[in-house]
């Protein structure tokens, strides 16, 4: 069964953080609203899991960049 929530993983990987977050919010809203079939609910849940992973990767990348910048700054200060 093809659903509007089924999207290839490659498409999800290309999403920016804000896009993935906004789509995840919509998925959660639809699940909480109910009124979907079991199959549709499962597809929404799977899509939500995929979007959450995309968001997590973006946040982990941002954290790594911040940590690197802070370490660089601390190293520069210790050289002074």
C-alpha atoms as a PDB file:
ATOM      1  CA  UNK A   1       0.000   0.000   0.000  1.00  0.00           C
ATOM      2  CA  UNK A   2       1.410   3.380  -0.975  1.00  0.00           C
ATOM      3  CA  UNK A   3       0.757   6.243   1.399  1.00  0.00           C
ATOM      4  CA  UNK A   4       1.624   9.914   1.335  1.00  0.00           C
ATOM      5  CA  UNK A   5       3.776   9.334   4.426  1.00  0.00           C
ATOM      6  CA  UNK A   6       6.014   6.771   2.716  1.00  0.00           C
ATOM      7  CA  UNK A   7       9.100   8.519   1.401  1.00  0.00           C
ATOM      8  CA  UNK A   8      12.446   7.033   0.421  1.00  0.00           C
ATOM      9  CA  UNK A   9      15.196   7.206   3.023  1.00  0.00           C
ATOM     10  CA  UNK A  10      17.358   9.217   0.612  1.00  0.00           C
ATOM     11  CA  UNK A  11      14.724  11.958   0.584  1.00  0.00           C
ATOM     12  CA  UNK A  12      14.752  12.055   4.395  1.00  0.00           C
ATOM     13  CA  UNK A  13      18.536  12.313   4.454  1.00  0.00           C
ATOM     14  CA  UNK A  14      18.334  15.386   2.216  1.00  0.00           C
ATOM     15  CA  UNK A  15      15.967  17.172   4.597  1.00  0.00           C
ATOM     16  CA  UNK A  16      17.262  20.029   6.669  1.00  0.00           C
ATOM     17  CA  UNK A  17      16.694  19.999  10.416  1.00  0.00           C
ATOM     18  CA  UNK A  18      13.775  22.442  10.304  1.00  0.00           C
ATOM     19  CA  UNK A  19      12.068  20.553   7.485  1.00  0.00           C
ATOM     20  CA  UNK A  20      12.398  17.221   9.280  1.00  0.00           C
ATOM     21  CA  UNK A  21      11.239  18.741  12.567  1.00  0.00           C
ATOM     22  CA  UNK A  22       8.193  20.360  10.968  1.00  0.00           C
ATOM     23  CA  UNK A  23       7.211  17.152   9.190  1.00  0.00           C
ATOM     24  CA  UNK A  24       7.705  15.209  12.441  1.00  0.00           C
ATOM     25  CA  UNK A  25       5.384  17.627  14.235  1.00  0.00           C
ATOM     26  CA  UNK A  26       2.764  17.024  11.545  1.00  0.00           C
ATOM     27  CA  UNK A  27       3.166  13.248  11.822  1.00  0.00           C
ATOM     28  CA  UNK A  28       2.685  13.406  15.600  1.00  0.00           C
ATOM     29  CA  UNK A  29      -0.360  15.667  15.175  1.00  0.00           C
ATOM     30  CA  UNK A  30      -1.942  13.198  12.756  1.00  0.00           C
ATOM     31  CA  UNK A  31      -1.238  10.235  15.032  1.00  0.00           C
ATOM     32  CA  UNK A  32      -2.664  12.040  18.065  1.00  0.00           C
ATOM     33  CA  UNK A  33      -5.759  13.087  16.122  1.00  0.00           C
ATOM     34  CA  UNK A  34      -6.573   9.466  15.350  1.00  0.00           C
ATOM     35  CA  UNK A  35      -9.015   8.479  12.663  1.00  0.00           C
ATOM     36  CA  UNK A  36      -6.432   6.616  10.592  1.00  0.00           C
ATOM     37  CA  UNK A  37      -6.366   2.943   9.769  1.00  0.00           C
ATOM     38  CA  UNK A  38      -3.896   0.655  11.474  1.00  0.00           C
ATOM     39  CA  UNK A  39      -1.828   0.519   8.284  1.00  0.00           C
ATOM     40  CA  UNK A  40      -1.782   4.316   7.986  1.00  0.00           C
ATOM     41  CA  UNK A  41      -0.877   4.679  11.661  1.00  0.00           C
ATOM     42  CA  UNK A  42       2.023   2.248  11.264  1.00  0.00           C
ATOM     43  CA  UNK A  43       3.262   4.108   8.188  1.00  0.00           C
ATOM     44  CA  UNK A  44       3.050   7.404  10.083  1.00  0.00           C
ATOM     45  CA  UNK A  45       4.906   5.939  13.059  1.00  0.00           C
ATOM     46  CA  UNK A  46       7.660   4.568  10.789  1.00  0.00           C
ATOM     47  CA  UNK A  47       7.975   7.938   9.073  1.00  0.00           C
ATOM     48  CA  UNK A  48       8.135   9.646  12.446  1.00  0.00           C
ATOM     49  CA  UNK A  49      10.950   7.350  13.555  1.00  0.00           C
ATOM     50  CA  UNK A  50      12.866   8.136  10.362  1.00  0.00           C
ATOM     51  CA  UNK A  51      12.360  11.877  10.805  1.00  0.00           C
ATOM     52  CA  UNK A  52      13.436  11.683  14.454  1.00  0.00           C
ATOM     53  CA  UNK A  53      16.683  10.008  13.330  1.00  0.00           C
ATOM     54  CA  UNK A  54      17.294  12.788  10.804  1.00  0.00           C
ATOM     55  CA  UNK A  55      16.741  15.424  13.510  1.00  0.00           C
ATOM     56  CA  UNK A  56      19.006  13.543  15.912  1.00  0.00           C
ATOM     57  CA  UNK A  57      21.812  13.406  13.319  1.00  0.00           C
ATOM     58  CA  UNK A  58      21.525  17.152  12.681  1.00  0.00           C
ATOM     59  CA  UNK A  59      21.626  17.885  16.415  1.00  0.00           C
ATOM     60  CA  UNK A  60      24.587  15.549  16.961  1.00  0.00           C
ATOM     61  CA  UNK A  61      26.421  17.278  14.111  1.00  0.00           C
ATOM     62  CA  UNK A  62      25.686  20.689  15.593  1.00  0.00           C
ATOM     63  CA  UNK A  63      26.904  19.501  19.001  1.00  0.00           C
ATOM     64  CA  UNK A  64      30.139  18.195  17.453  1.00  0.00           C
ATOM     65  CA  UNK A  65      30.731  21.532  15.725  1.00  0.00           C
ATOM     66  CA  UNK A  66      30.131  23.426  18.973  1.00  0.00           C
ATOM     67  CA  UNK A  67      32.424  21.102  20.916  1.00  0.00           C
ATOM     68  CA  UNK A  68      35.162  21.527  18.302  1.00  0.00           C
ATOM     69  CA  UNK A  69      34.821  25.319  18.365  1.00  0.00           C
ATOM     70  CA  UNK A  70      34.923  25.393  22.174  1.00  0.00           C
ATOM     71  CA  UNK A  71      37.966  23.100  22.254  1.00  0.00           C
ATOM     72  CA  UNK A  72      39.701  25.301  19.700  1.00  0.00           C
ATOM     73  CA  UNK A  73      38.933  28.389  21.765  1.00  0.00           C
ATOM     74  CA  UNK A  74      40.150  26.738  24.973  1.00  0.00           C
ATOM     75  CA  UNK A  75      43.360  25.659  23.231  1.00  0.00           C
ATOM     76  CA  UNK A  76      43.972  29.199  21.957  1.00  0.00           C
ATOM     77  CA  UNK A  77      43.444  30.617  25.462  1.00  0.00           C
ATOM     78  CA  UNK A  78      45.853  28.096  27.020  1.00  0.00           C
ATOM     79  CA  UNK A  79      48.551  29.143  24.559  1.00  0.00           C
ATOM     80  CA  UNK A  80      48.314  32.761  25.720  1.00  0.00           C
END
